């Protein structure tokens, strides 16, 4: 069956909106009709080669939709069920999974190398980050679909698949923000806005948003920021001034640039925690001297997918949505058609907006 999709023909090439031939689901597979897909900076990183992906591919890893067919052996979802796509399913058997660190599963992205569909001329296509959400429909492994809990709008639920899980997990699982602590969030894009909301849920006493764009202040404050700082070489000094000259208890970096990672570290109090969520390129090198590492006693940690277990955390997030503590629609700055994805990529490069949502 032919469906429309956004195809990445080669690394660095523009996306092509075209028809693809999508097969029926085989054993252990599920076919999903997408309701919406988020346009994440990781998709841009895949398209430009910052992160490696087999090509040609259909990108998009943040999505939600309705099951239209299931293959043999699939029992946890059925035709008609609303689901959230999980781009990093854990295998349950590797070393990381054995430790309970399912977000570091060694086999999570094995499916990205598979051929899951073909172009009209018969060219093999790979599913970018397993789920190929930039398409009207997709066929995925059953492990890549999670039942959507009641009370969450299907279109908004797409954001649960990456931005919200990442931001929530950075606050609650990686940095482990405690009530009353102070938090700085660097970057007010989709993940940054989710991080701000999550810091508010964690009952942080002061939440400082940092971004290069003054236009994002309103979005950041609506998400929970008590203060807004325009990024500059003086950012750590400004943050210390807002926190009694101490620095924040927790900094969360959502940009992936050496300069902002260093600024997040410098803005953290002595003994505080700095969590890096942003995905940077190999050319983004951050340096520290041995004396400052000893003196400041800070913790610097990476954070993959928010250190979350989606099967455990999606129901928790759904509860926050139902109780009004988490507003998914506030993370969306524009709703676009499939053809609007290239322009959304350009906006991300320009540092504009929070999260574009492709609505099918």
C-alpha atoms as a PDB file:
ATOM      1  CA  UNK A   1       0.000   0.000   0.000  1.00  0.00           C
ATOM      2  CA  UNK A   2       1.379   3.434  -0.949  1.00  0.00           C
ATOM      3  CA  UNK A   3       1.574   6.237   1.628  1.00  0.00           C
ATOM      4  CA  UNK A   4       3.209   9.650   1.573  1.00  0.00           C
ATOM      5  CA  UNK A   5       6.435  10.135   3.486  1.00  0.00           C
ATOM      6  CA  UNK A   6       9.377  12.499   3.911  1.00  0.00           C
ATOM      7  CA  UNK A   7      12.383  10.596   2.524  1.00  0.00           C
ATOM      8  CA  UNK A   8      16.031  11.468   3.216  1.00  0.00           C
ATOM      9  CA  UNK A   9      17.736  10.246   0.004  1.00  0.00           C
ATOM     10  CA  UNK A  10      21.302  10.868   1.228  1.00  0.00           C
ATOM     11  CA  UNK A  11      23.114  12.523   4.123  1.00  0.00           C
ATOM     12  CA  UNK A  12      23.017  16.285   3.640  1.00  0.00           C
ATOM     13  CA  UNK A  13      20.369  16.120   0.919  1.00  0.00           C
ATOM     14  CA  UNK A  14      16.984  17.842   1.221  1.00  0.00           C
ATOM     15  CA  UNK A  15      14.009  15.751   2.249  1.00  0.00           C
ATOM     16  CA  UNK A  16      11.722  14.569  -0.553  1.00  0.00           C
ATOM     17  CA  UNK A  17       7.970  14.283   0.002  1.00  0.00           C
ATOM     18  CA  UNK A  18       6.989  11.249  -2.018  1.00  0.00           C
ATOM     19  CA  UNK A  19       4.949   8.060  -2.068  1.00  0.00           C
ATOM     20  CA  UNK A  20       6.463   4.886  -0.609  1.00  0.00           C
ATOM     21  CA  UNK A  21       5.351   1.266  -0.749  1.00  0.00           C
ATOM     22  CA  UNK A  22       4.623   0.093   2.804  1.00  0.00           C
ATOM     23  CA  UNK A  23       4.059  -3.650   3.296  1.00  0.00           C
ATOM     24  CA  UNK A  24       1.565  -5.315   5.622  1.00  0.00           C
ATOM     25  CA  UNK A  25       2.911  -6.070   9.108  1.00  0.00           C
ATOM     26  CA  UNK A  26       4.732  -9.368   9.477  1.00  0.00           C
ATOM     27  CA  UNK A  27       5.051 -11.497  12.620  1.00  0.00           C
ATOM     28  CA  UNK A  28       5.796  -9.318  15.642  1.00  0.00           C
ATOM     29  CA  UNK A  29       5.039  -6.092  13.765  1.00  0.00           C
ATOM     30  CA  UNK A  30       2.405  -3.367  13.991  1.00  0.00           C
ATOM     31  CA  UNK A  31       1.095  -0.971  11.368  1.00  0.00           C
ATOM     32  CA  UNK A  32       0.222   2.485  12.676  1.00  0.00           C
ATOM     33  CA  UNK A  33      -1.629   5.374  11.051  1.00  0.00           C
ATOM     34  CA  UNK A  34       0.105   8.496  12.349  1.00  0.00           C
ATOM     35  CA  UNK A  35      -1.962  11.250  13.954  1.00  0.00           C
ATOM     36  CA  UNK A  36       1.059  13.487  14.501  1.00  0.00           C
ATOM     37  CA  UNK A  37       4.856  13.509  14.583  1.00  0.00           C
ATOM     38  CA  UNK A  38       7.142  15.963  16.337  1.00  0.00           C
ATOM     39  CA  UNK A  39      10.026  17.554  14.444  1.00  0.00           C
ATOM     40  CA  UNK A  40      12.967  17.037  16.791  1.00  0.00           C
ATOM     41  CA  UNK A  41      16.496  18.422  16.545  1.00  0.00           C
ATOM     42  CA  UNK A  42      17.708  14.819  16.492  1.00  0.00           C
ATOM     43  CA  UNK A  43      16.040  14.408  13.089  1.00  0.00           C
ATOM     44  CA  UNK A  44      18.067  17.367  11.855  1.00  0.00           C
ATOM     45  CA  UNK A  45      21.207  15.782  13.324  1.00  0.00           C
ATOM     46  CA  UNK A  46      20.434  12.587  11.413  1.00  0.00           C
ATOM     47  CA  UNK A  47      19.871  14.411   8.147  1.00  0.00           C
ATOM     48  CA  UNK A  48      23.150  16.357   8.300  1.00  0.00           C
ATOM     49  CA  UNK A  49      25.320  13.462   9.473  1.00  0.00           C
ATOM     50  CA  UNK A  50      25.931  14.549  13.088  1.00  0.00           C
ATOM     51  CA  UNK A  51      24.342  11.224  14.012  1.00  0.00           C
ATOM     52  CA  UNK A  52      24.729   8.266  11.672  1.00  0.00           C
ATOM     53  CA  UNK A  53      21.737   6.644   9.993  1.00  0.00           C
ATOM     54  CA  UNK A  54      21.460   4.209   7.037  1.00  0.00           C
ATOM     55  CA  UNK A  55      20.054   5.958   3.967  1.00  0.00           C
ATOM     56  CA  UNK A  56      17.784   6.333   2.078  1.00  0.00           C
ATOM     57  CA  UNK A  57      15.564   6.617   5.142  1.00  0.00           C
ATOM     58  CA  UNK A  58      12.295   7.977   6.431  1.00  0.00           C
ATOM     59  CA  UNK A  59      13.102  10.058   9.514  1.00  0.00           C
ATOM     60  CA  UNK A  60      10.826  11.001  12.406  1.00  0.00           C
ATOM     61  CA  UNK A  61      11.061   9.303  15.784  1.00  0.00           C
ATOM     62  CA  UNK A  62       8.483  11.166  17.891  1.00  0.00           C
ATOM     63  CA  UNK A  63       4.956  10.149  17.019  1.00  0.00           C
ATOM     64  CA  UNK A  64       1.550   8.829  18.009  1.00  0.00           C
ATOM     65  CA  UNK A  65      -1.265   7.250  16.067  1.00  0.00           C
ATOM     66  CA  UNK A  66      -3.781   4.443  15.750  1.00  0.00           C
ATOM     67  CA  UNK A  67      -3.099   0.774  15.133  1.00  0.00           C
ATOM     68  CA  UNK A  68      -4.548  -0.308  11.786  1.00  0.00           C
ATOM     69  CA  UNK A  69      -3.174  -3.870  11.673  1.00  0.00           C
ATOM     70  CA  UNK A  70      -1.063  -6.250  13.747  1.00  0.00           C
ATOM     71  CA  UNK A  71       1.097  -9.173  12.735  1.00  0.00           C
ATOM     72  CA  UNK A  72       1.133 -12.678  14.147  1.00  0.00           C
ATOM     73  CA  UNK A  73       2.070 -12.889  17.821  1.00  0.00           C
ATOM     74  CA  UNK A  74       1.248  -9.293  18.764  1.00  0.00           C
ATOM     75  CA  UNK A  75      -1.014  -9.252  21.811  1.00  0.00           C
ATOM     76  CA  UNK A  76      -0.411  -6.023  23.767  1.00  0.00           C
ATOM     77  CA  UNK A  77      -2.153  -3.802  21.177  1.00  0.00           C
ATOM     78  CA  UNK A  78      -4.968  -4.401  18.693  1.00  0.00           C
ATOM     79  CA  UNK A  79      -6.538  -2.719  15.685  1.00  0.00           C
ATOM     80  CA  UNK A  80      -8.044   0.623  16.688  1.00  0.00           C
ATOM     81  CA  UNK A  81      -5.821   1.172  19.743  1.00  0.00           C
ATOM     82  CA  UNK A  82      -4.163   4.598  20.206  1.00  0.00           C
ATOM     83  CA  UNK A  83      -0.422   4.223  20.689  1.00  0.00           C
ATOM     84  CA  UNK A  84       2.785   6.201  21.273  1.00  0.00           C
ATOM     85  CA  UNK A  85       5.859   5.278  19.257  1.00  0.00           C
ATOM     86  CA  UNK A  86       8.983   4.304  21.206  1.00  0.00           C
ATOM     87  CA  UNK A  87      12.091   4.806  19.060  1.00  0.00           C
ATOM     88  CA  UNK A  88      14.461   3.105  21.541  1.00  0.00           C
ATOM     89  CA  UNK A  89      12.897  -0.193  22.663  1.00  0.00           C
ATOM     90  CA  UNK A  90      15.040  -2.155  25.115  1.00  0.00           C
ATOM     91  CA  UNK A  91      15.991  -5.739  24.337  1.00  0.00           C
ATOM     92  CA  UNK A  92      15.909  -6.861  27.974  1.00  0.00           C
ATOM     93  CA  UNK A  93      18.955  -9.089  27.599  1.00  0.00           C
ATOM     94  CA  UNK A  94      22.068  -6.913  27.057  1.00  0.00           C
ATOM     95  CA  UNK A  95      24.389  -5.784  29.844  1.00  0.00           C
ATOM     96  CA  UNK A  96      22.720  -2.374  30.266  1.00  0.00           C
ATOM     97  CA  UNK A  97      19.241  -3.883  30.385  1.00  0.00           C
ATOM     98  CA  UNK A  98      20.474  -6.374  32.963  1.00  0.00           C
ATOM     99  CA  UNK A  99      21.509  -3.420  35.126  1.00  0.00           C
ATOM    100  CA  UNK A 100      18.109  -1.816  34.705  1.00  0.00           C
ATOM    101  CA  UNK A 101      19.555   0.958  32.511  1.00  0.00           C
ATOM    102  CA  UNK A 102      17.219   0.307  29.600  1.00  0.00           C
ATOM    103  CA  UNK A 103      17.892   3.747  28.071  1.00  0.00           C
ATOM    104  CA  UNK A 104      21.417   2.513  27.298  1.00  0.00           C
ATOM    105  CA  UNK A 105      20.287  -0.723  25.643  1.00  0.00           C
ATOM    106  CA  UNK A 106      22.994  -1.923  23.246  1.00  0.00           C
ATOM    107  CA  UNK A 107      20.430  -3.268  20.783  1.00  0.00           C
ATOM    108  CA  UNK A 108      17.821  -0.488  20.890  1.00  0.00           C
ATOM    109  CA  UNK A 109      18.630   0.862  17.424  1.00  0.00           C
ATOM    110  CA  UNK A 110      19.227  -2.409  15.595  1.00  0.00           C
ATOM    111  CA  UNK A 111      15.988  -1.977  13.679  1.00  0.00           C
ATOM    112  CA  UNK A 112      17.213   1.244  12.046  1.00  0.00           C
ATOM    113  CA  UNK A 113      19.363  -0.844   9.698  1.00  0.00           C
ATOM    114  CA  UNK A 114      16.412  -2.930   8.492  1.00  0.00           C
ATOM    115  CA  UNK A 115      14.622  -2.408   5.183  1.00  0.00           C
ATOM    116  CA  UNK A 116      11.032  -1.598   6.097  1.00  0.00           C
ATOM    117  CA  UNK A 117       9.599  -0.087   2.890  1.00  0.00           C
ATOM    118  CA  UNK A 118      10.504   0.836  -0.700  1.00  0.00           C
ATOM    119  CA  UNK A 119      10.214   3.843  -2.931  1.00  0.00           C
ATOM    120  CA  UNK A 120       8.032   3.748  -6.054  1.00  0.00           C
ATOM    121  CA  UNK A 121      11.060   2.680  -8.128  1.00  0.00           C
ATOM    122  CA  UNK A 122      11.897  -0.194  -5.738  1.00  0.00           C
ATOM    123  CA  UNK A 123      14.729   1.448  -3.749  1.00  0.00           C
ATOM    124  CA  UNK A 124      15.085   0.032  -0.240  1.00  0.00           C
ATOM    125  CA  UNK A 125      14.191   2.381   2.624  1.00  0.00           C
ATOM    126  CA  UNK A 126      15.331   2.277   6.238  1.00  0.00           C
ATOM    127  CA  UNK A 127      13.290   3.482   9.231  1.00  0.00           C
ATOM    128  CA  UNK A 128      15.196   6.371  10.795  1.00  0.00           C
ATOM    129  CA  UNK A 129      15.566   5.616  14.518  1.00  0.00           C
ATOM    130  CA  UNK A 130      13.336   2.567  14.108  1.00  0.00           C
ATOM    131  CA  UNK A 131       9.908   4.146  13.659  1.00  0.00           C
ATOM    132  CA  UNK A 132       9.851   6.345  10.502  1.00  0.00           C
ATOM    133  CA  UNK A 133       7.214   8.724  11.850  1.00  0.00           C
ATOM    134  CA  UNK A 134       7.476  11.262   9.006  1.00  0.00           C
ATOM    135  CA  UNK A 135       4.890   9.305   7.037  1.00  0.00           C
ATOM    136  CA  UNK A 136       1.134   8.899   6.939  1.00  0.00           C
ATOM    137  CA  UNK A 137       1.569   5.312   8.133  1.00  0.00           C
ATOM    138  CA  UNK A 138       4.442   3.182   9.349  1.00  0.00           C
ATOM    139  CA  UNK A 139       5.207  -0.453  10.142  1.00  0.00           C
ATOM    140  CA  UNK A 140       7.282  -1.038  13.276  1.00  0.00           C
ATOM    141  CA  UNK A 141       8.337  -3.756  15.646  1.00  0.00           C
ATOM    142  CA  UNK A 142       5.724  -4.422  18.311  1.00  0.00           C
ATOM    143  CA  UNK A 143       8.309  -3.343  20.899  1.00  0.00           C
ATOM    144  CA  UNK A 144       8.180   0.156  19.383  1.00  0.00           C
ATOM    145  CA  UNK A 145       4.539   0.805  20.299  1.00  0.00           C
ATOM    146  CA  UNK A 146       3.184   1.659  23.734  1.00  0.00           C
ATOM    147  CA  UNK A 147      -0.542   1.804  24.513  1.00  0.00           C
ATOM    148  CA  UNK A 148      -1.596   5.410  25.051  1.00  0.00           C
ATOM    149  CA  UNK A 149      -3.203   5.878  28.475  1.00  0.00           C
ATOM    150  CA  UNK A 150      -6.647   7.468  28.632  1.00  0.00           C
ATOM    151  CA  UNK A 151      -6.996  11.208  28.957  1.00  0.00           C
ATOM    152  CA  UNK A 152      -4.175  12.260  26.626  1.00  0.00           C
ATOM    153  CA  UNK A 153      -5.139  13.823  23.260  1.00  0.00           C
ATOM    154  CA  UNK A 154      -3.765  11.621  20.485  1.00  0.00           C
ATOM    155  CA  UNK A 155      -2.156  14.449  18.486  1.00  0.00           C
ATOM    156  CA  UNK A 156      -0.418  15.988  21.514  1.00  0.00           C
ATOM    157  CA  UNK A 157       0.682  12.507  22.651  1.00  0.00           C
ATOM    158  CA  UNK A 158       3.289  12.476  19.880  1.00  0.00           C
ATOM    159  CA  UNK A 159       5.489  14.638  22.109  1.00  0.00           C
ATOM    160  CA  UNK A 160       5.593  11.927  24.756  1.00  0.00           C
ATOM    161  CA  UNK A 161       7.791   9.888  22.438  1.00  0.00           C
ATOM    162  CA  UNK A 162      10.901  12.032  22.842  1.00  0.00           C
ATOM    163  CA  UNK A 163      10.748  15.665  24.023  1.00  0.00           C
ATOM    164  CA  UNK A 164       8.657  15.115  27.129  1.00  0.00           C
ATOM    165  CA  UNK A 165      10.264  11.841  28.177  1.00  0.00           C
ATOM    166  CA  UNK A 166      13.694  13.423  27.752  1.00  0.00           C
ATOM    167  CA  UNK A 167      12.903  16.627  29.631  1.00  0.00           C
ATOM    168  CA  UNK A 168      11.004  14.850  32.405  1.00  0.00           C
ATOM    169  CA  UNK A 169      13.696  12.227  32.819  1.00  0.00           C
ATOM    170  CA  UNK A 170      16.511  14.794  32.868  1.00  0.00           C
ATOM    171  CA  UNK A 171      14.850  16.439  35.870  1.00  0.00           C
ATOM    172  CA  UNK A 172      13.447  13.431  37.732  1.00  0.00           C
ATOM    173  CA  UNK A 173      15.835  10.593  36.859  1.00  0.00           C
ATOM    174  CA  UNK A 174      19.188  12.127  35.912  1.00  0.00           C
ATOM    175  CA  UNK A 175      19.494  15.309  37.999  1.00  0.00           C
ATOM    176  CA  UNK A 176      16.929  14.098  40.592  1.00  0.00           C
ATOM    177  CA  UNK A 177      15.723  17.607  41.377  1.00  0.00           C
ATOM    178  CA  UNK A 178      14.364  17.917  44.921  1.00  0.00           C
ATOM    179  CA  UNK A 179      11.604  20.270  46.107  1.00  0.00           C
ATOM    180  CA  UNK A 180      12.974  23.730  46.822  1.00  0.00           C
ATOM    181  CA  UNK A 181      16.093  23.390  44.682  1.00  0.00           C
ATOM    182  CA  UNK A 182      17.051  25.932  42.029  1.00  0.00           C
ATOM    183  CA  UNK A 183      17.298  24.910  38.370  1.00  0.00           C
ATOM    184  CA  UNK A 184      18.710  26.511  35.204  1.00  0.00           C
ATOM    185  CA  UNK A 185      17.631  25.183  31.810  1.00  0.00           C
ATOM    186  CA  UNK A 186      19.824  26.070  28.827  1.00  0.00           C
ATOM    187  CA  UNK A 187      17.827  26.077  25.588  1.00  0.00           C
ATOM    188  CA  UNK A 188      14.099  26.761  25.303  1.00  0.00           C
ATOM    189  CA  UNK A 189      13.273  24.510  22.366  1.00  0.00           C
ATOM    190  CA  UNK A 190      10.918  21.539  22.630  1.00  0.00           C
ATOM    191  CA  UNK A 191      13.047  19.561  25.094  1.00  0.00           C
ATOM    192  CA  UNK A 192      13.946  22.696  27.053  1.00  0.00           C
ATOM    193  CA  UNK A 193      10.284  23.665  27.465  1.00  0.00           C
ATOM    194  CA  UNK A 194       9.475  20.128  28.627  1.00  0.00           C
ATOM    195  CA  UNK A 195      12.370  20.383  31.086  1.00  0.00           C
ATOM    196  CA  UNK A 196      11.002  23.653  32.450  1.00  0.00           C
ATOM    197  CA  UNK A 197       7.575  22.104  32.997  1.00  0.00           C
ATOM    198  CA  UNK A 198       9.196  19.106  34.659  1.00  0.00           C
ATOM    199  CA  UNK A 199      11.192  21.339  37.007  1.00  0.00           C
ATOM    200  CA  UNK A 200       7.922  22.978  38.003  1.00  0.00           C
ATOM    201  CA  UNK A 201       6.396  19.533  38.640  1.00  0.00           C
ATOM    202  CA  UNK A 202       9.434  18.745  40.809  1.00  0.00           C
ATOM    203  CA  UNK A 203       8.616  21.865  42.900  1.00  0.00           C
ATOM    204  CA  UNK A 204      11.866  23.681  42.156  1.00  0.00           C
ATOM    205  CA  UNK A 205      11.890  27.041  43.934  1.00  0.00           C
ATOM    206  CA  UNK A 206      13.531  29.041  41.160  1.00  0.00           C
ATOM    207  CA  UNK A 207      13.606  27.995  37.505  1.00  0.00           C
ATOM    208  CA  UNK A 208      15.876  30.024  35.230  1.00  0.00           C
ATOM    209  CA  UNK A 209      15.501  29.643  31.455  1.00  0.00           C
ATOM    210  CA  UNK A 210      18.459  30.556  29.229  1.00  0.00           C
ATOM    211  CA  UNK A 211      18.270  31.055  25.463  1.00  0.00           C
ATOM    212  CA  UNK A 212      19.774  33.199  22.721  1.00  0.00           C
ATOM    213  CA  UNK A 213      16.349  34.351  21.521  1.00  0.00           C
ATOM    214  CA  UNK A 214      14.362  37.043  23.377  1.00  0.00           C
ATOM    215  CA  UNK A 215      11.242  35.841  21.535  1.00  0.00           C
ATOM    216  CA  UNK A 216      11.222  32.629  23.577  1.00  0.00           C
ATOM    217  CA  UNK A 217      10.756  34.341  26.950  1.00  0.00           C
ATOM    218  CA  UNK A 218       6.968  34.154  26.882  1.00  0.00           C
ATOM    219  CA  UNK A 219       7.042  30.446  26.020  1.00  0.00           C
ATOM    220  CA  UNK A 220       9.603  29.761  28.749  1.00  0.00           C
ATOM    221  CA  UNK A 221       7.666  31.606  31.439  1.00  0.00           C
ATOM    222  CA  UNK A 222       4.438  29.845  30.442  1.00  0.00           C
ATOM    223  CA  UNK A 223       6.289  26.541  30.867  1.00  0.00           C
ATOM    224  CA  UNK A 224       7.382  27.397  34.395  1.00  0.00           C
ATOM    225  CA  UNK A 225      10.413  29.682  34.225  1.00  0.00           C
ATOM    226  CA  UNK A 226      10.544  32.221  37.045  1.00  0.00           C
ATOM    227  CA  UNK A 227      13.418  34.072  35.354  1.00  0.00           C
ATOM    228  CA  UNK A 228      14.701  34.454  31.794  1.00  0.00           C
ATOM    229  CA  UNK A 229      18.324  35.130  30.859  1.00  0.00           C
ATOM    230  CA  UNK A 230      19.551  35.913  27.355  1.00  0.00           C
ATOM    231  CA  UNK A 231      22.565  33.735  26.683  1.00  0.00           C
ATOM    232  CA  UNK A 232      25.895  35.593  26.646  1.00  0.00           C
ATOM    233  CA  UNK A 233      29.391  35.288  28.044  1.00  0.00           C
ATOM    234  CA  UNK A 234      27.963  36.767  31.265  1.00  0.00           C
ATOM    235  CA  UNK A 235      25.280  34.097  31.738  1.00  0.00           C
ATOM    236  CA  UNK A 236      26.953  32.281  34.680  1.00  0.00           C
ATOM    237  CA  UNK A 237      27.464  35.600  36.456  1.00  0.00           C
ATOM    238  CA  UNK A 238      23.818  36.563  35.930  1.00  0.00           C
ATOM    239  CA  UNK A 239      22.636  33.209  37.251  1.00  0.00           C
ATOM    240  CA  UNK A 240      24.814  33.495  40.342  1.00  0.00           C
ATOM    241  CA  UNK A 241      23.355  36.970  40.930  1.00  0.00           C
ATOM    242  CA  UNK A 242      19.867  35.434  40.896  1.00  0.00           C
ATOM    243  CA  UNK A 243      20.853  32.737  43.410  1.00  0.00           C
ATOM    244  CA  UNK A 244      22.601  34.607  46.191  1.00  0.00           C
ATOM    245  CA  UNK A 245      25.967  34.386  44.395  1.00  0.00           C
ATOM    246  CA  UNK A 246      25.928  30.600  44.802  1.00  0.00           C
ATOM    247  CA  UNK A 247      24.785  29.257  41.431  1.00  0.00           C
ATOM    248  CA  UNK A 248      21.904  26.868  40.872  1.00  0.00           C
ATOM    249  CA  UNK A 249      21.625  23.442  42.422  1.00  0.00           C
ATOM    250  CA  UNK A 250      20.994  21.910  38.984  1.00  0.00           C
ATOM    251  CA  UNK A 251      21.767  22.987  35.414  1.00  0.00           C
ATOM    252  CA  UNK A 252      20.239  21.113  32.478  1.00  0.00           C
ATOM    253  CA  UNK A 253      21.831  21.766  29.082  1.00  0.00           C
ATOM    254  CA  UNK A 254      19.480  21.107  26.148  1.00  0.00           C
ATOM    255  CA  UNK A 255      21.517  22.570  23.269  1.00  0.00           C
ATOM    256  CA  UNK A 256      24.549  20.359  22.695  1.00  0.00           C
ATOM    257  CA  UNK A 257      27.155  23.072  22.176  1.00  0.00           C
ATOM    258  CA  UNK A 258      30.477  23.338  23.960  1.00  0.00           C
ATOM    259  CA  UNK A 259      29.839  26.952  24.957  1.00  0.00           C
ATOM    260  CA  UNK A 260      26.463  26.244  26.559  1.00  0.00           C
ATOM    261  CA  UNK A 261      27.707  23.075  28.293  1.00  0.00           C
ATOM    262  CA  UNK A 262      30.543  25.077  29.807  1.00  0.00           C
ATOM    263  CA  UNK A 263      28.142  27.865  30.795  1.00  0.00           C
ATOM    264  CA  UNK A 264      25.796  25.343  32.429  1.00  0.00           C
ATOM    265  CA  UNK A 265      28.724  23.935  34.427  1.00  0.00           C
ATOM    266  CA  UNK A 266      29.880  27.400  35.466  1.00  0.00           C
ATOM    267  CA  UNK A 267      26.341  28.308  36.554  1.00  0.00           C
ATOM    268  CA  UNK A 268      26.058  25.356  38.939  1.00  0.00           C
ATOM    269  CA  UNK A 269      26.840  25.839  42.616  1.00  0.00           C
ATOM    270  CA  UNK A 270      29.686  24.107  44.366  1.00  0.00           C
ATOM    271  CA  UNK A 271      28.561  20.512  44.860  1.00  0.00           C
ATOM    272  CA  UNK A 272      25.683  20.889  42.380  1.00  0.00           C
ATOM    273  CA  UNK A 273      24.705  18.774  39.369  1.00  0.00           C
ATOM    274  CA  UNK A 274      25.038  19.562  35.667  1.00  0.00           C
ATOM    275  CA  UNK A 275      23.120  17.316  33.262  1.00  0.00           C
ATOM    276  CA  UNK A 276      23.782  17.410  29.509  1.00  0.00           C
ATOM    277  CA  UNK A 277      20.813  16.465  27.335  1.00  0.00           C
ATOM    278  CA  UNK A 278      21.776  18.238  24.092  1.00  0.00           C
ATOM    279  CA  UNK A 279      23.377  16.190  21.315  1.00  0.00           C
ATOM    280  CA  UNK A 280      26.479  17.915  19.984  1.00  0.00           C
ATOM    281  CA  UNK A 281      28.909  17.064  17.226  1.00  0.00           C
ATOM    282  CA  UNK A 282      32.391  15.627  17.675  1.00  0.00           C
ATOM    283  CA  UNK A 283      33.825  19.077  17.049  1.00  0.00           C
ATOM    284  CA  UNK A 284      32.166  20.449  20.201  1.00  0.00           C
ATOM    285  CA  UNK A 285      34.943  19.945  22.748  1.00  0.00           C
ATOM    286  CA  UNK A 286      34.546  21.053  26.359  1.00  0.00           C
ATOM    287  CA  UNK A 287      37.625  21.527  28.552  1.00  0.00           C
ATOM    288  CA  UNK A 288      38.095  21.590  32.325  1.00  0.00           C
ATOM    289  CA  UNK A 289      41.222  21.874  34.422  1.00  0.00           C
ATOM    290  CA  UNK A 290      41.960  19.370  37.152  1.00  0.00           C
ATOM    291  CA  UNK A 291      41.933  21.941  39.946  1.00  0.00           C
ATOM    292  CA  UNK A 292      38.418  23.212  39.198  1.00  0.00           C
ATOM    293  CA  UNK A 293      37.028  19.677  39.089  1.00  0.00           C
ATOM    294  CA  UNK A 294      38.396  19.123  42.590  1.00  0.00           C
ATOM    295  CA  UNK A 295      37.493  22.544  43.952  1.00  0.00           C
ATOM    296  CA  UNK A 296      33.907  22.819  42.734  1.00  0.00           C
ATOM    297  CA  UNK A 297      32.915  19.248  43.545  1.00  0.00           C
ATOM    298  CA  UNK A 298      30.235  19.370  40.864  1.00  0.00           C
ATOM    299  CA  UNK A 299      28.768  16.368  39.082  1.00  0.00           C
ATOM    300  CA  UNK A 300      28.667  16.457  35.265  1.00  0.00           C
ATOM    301  CA  UNK A 301      26.596  13.743  33.617  1.00  0.00           C
ATOM    302  CA  UNK A 302      25.253  12.823  30.226  1.00  0.00           C
ATOM    303  CA  UNK A 303      21.587  11.956  29.826  1.00  0.00           C
ATOM    304  CA  UNK A 304      20.257   9.591  27.140  1.00  0.00           C
ATOM    305  CA  UNK A 305      16.499   9.725  26.445  1.00  0.00           C
ATOM    306  CA  UNK A 306      16.050  11.237  29.886  1.00  0.00           C
ATOM    307  CA  UNK A 307      17.357   8.031  31.511  1.00  0.00           C
ATOM    308  CA  UNK A 308      13.763   6.847  31.173  1.00  0.00           C
ATOM    309  CA  UNK A 309      11.964   3.565  30.786  1.00  0.00           C
ATOM    310  CA  UNK A 310       9.125   4.569  28.434  1.00  0.00           C
ATOM    311  CA  UNK A 311       6.889   1.669  29.474  1.00  0.00           C
ATOM    312  CA  UNK A 312       7.135   2.869  33.075  1.00  0.00           C
ATOM    313  CA  UNK A 313       7.216   6.624  32.522  1.00  0.00           C
ATOM    314  CA  UNK A 314       4.569   7.220  29.824  1.00  0.00           C
ATOM    315  CA  UNK A 315       1.739   6.280  32.241  1.00  0.00           C
ATOM    316  CA  UNK A 316       3.269   8.612  34.847  1.00  0.00           C
ATOM    317  CA  UNK A 317       3.376  11.469  32.336  1.00  0.00           C
ATOM    318  CA  UNK A 318      -0.195  10.734  31.306  1.00  0.00           C
ATOM    319  CA  UNK A 319      -1.204  11.196  34.932  1.00  0.00           C
ATOM    320  CA  UNK A 320       0.444  14.620  34.991  1.00  0.00           C
ATOM    321  CA  UNK A 321      -1.432  15.535  31.786  1.00  0.00           C
ATOM    322  CA  UNK A 322      -4.776  14.441  33.226  1.00  0.00           C
ATOM    323  CA  UNK A 323      -4.161  16.385  36.449  1.00  0.00           C
ATOM    324  CA  UNK A 324      -3.195  19.543  34.543  1.00  0.00           C
ATOM    325  CA  UNK A 325       0.425  19.638  35.709  1.00  0.00           C
ATOM    326  CA  UNK A 326       1.807  18.951  32.226  1.00  0.00           C
ATOM    327  CA  UNK A 327       0.538  20.898  29.214  1.00  0.00           C
ATOM    328  CA  UNK A 328       1.638  19.157  26.027  1.00  0.00           C
ATOM    329  CA  UNK A 329       0.029  21.722  23.736  1.00  0.00           C
ATOM    330  CA  UNK A 330       2.192  24.468  25.291  1.00  0.00           C
ATOM    331  CA  UNK A 331       5.275  22.779  23.851  1.00  0.00           C
ATOM    332  CA  UNK A 332       4.028  23.143  20.273  1.00  0.00           C
ATOM    333  CA  UNK A 333       4.850  26.388  18.493  1.00  0.00           C
ATOM    334  CA  UNK A 334       3.423  25.456  15.093  1.00  0.00           C
ATOM    335  CA  UNK A 335       1.330  22.710  13.524  1.00  0.00           C
ATOM    336  CA  UNK A 336       2.396  21.864   9.995  1.00  0.00           C
ATOM    337  CA  UNK A 337       1.701  19.490   7.124  1.00  0.00           C
ATOM    338  CA  UNK A 338       4.214  16.878   5.973  1.00  0.00           C
ATOM    339  CA  UNK A 339       5.523  19.309   3.358  1.00  0.00           C
ATOM    340  CA  UNK A 340       6.471  21.773   6.103  1.00  0.00           C
ATOM    341  CA  UNK A 341       9.233  19.637   7.636  1.00  0.00           C
ATOM    342  CA  UNK A 342      12.131  21.174   5.589  1.00  0.00           C
ATOM    343  CA  UNK A 343      11.080  24.674   6.697  1.00  0.00           C
ATOM    344  CA  UNK A 344      10.868  23.432  10.309  1.00  0.00           C
ATOM    345  CA  UNK A 345      14.467  22.195   9.978  1.00  0.00           C
ATOM    346  CA  UNK A 346      15.484  25.679   8.861  1.00  0.00           C
ATOM    347  CA  UNK A 347      13.749  27.211  11.871  1.00  0.00           C
ATOM    348  CA  UNK A 348      15.648  24.903  14.199  1.00  0.00           C
ATOM    349  CA  UNK A 349      18.938  25.905  12.588  1.00  0.00           C
ATOM    350  CA  UNK A 350      17.961  29.531  13.183  1.00  0.00           C
ATOM    351  CA  UNK A 351      17.105  28.843  16.815  1.00  0.00           C
ATOM    352  CA  UNK A 352      13.411  29.638  16.383  1.00  0.00           C
ATOM    353  CA  UNK A 353      10.396  28.184  18.120  1.00  0.00           C
ATOM    354  CA  UNK A 354       9.842  25.285  20.480  1.00  0.00           C
ATOM    355  CA  UNK A 355       8.479  22.228  18.653  1.00  0.00           C
ATOM    356  CA  UNK A 356       6.838  21.906  15.244  1.00  0.00           C
ATOM    357  CA  UNK A 357       4.204  19.194  15.103  1.00  0.00           C
ATOM    358  CA  UNK A 358       3.322  17.436  11.836  1.00  0.00           C
ATOM    359  CA  UNK A 359      -0.401  16.757  11.918  1.00  0.00           C
ATOM    360  CA  UNK A 360      -1.688  14.170   9.439  1.00  0.00           C
END
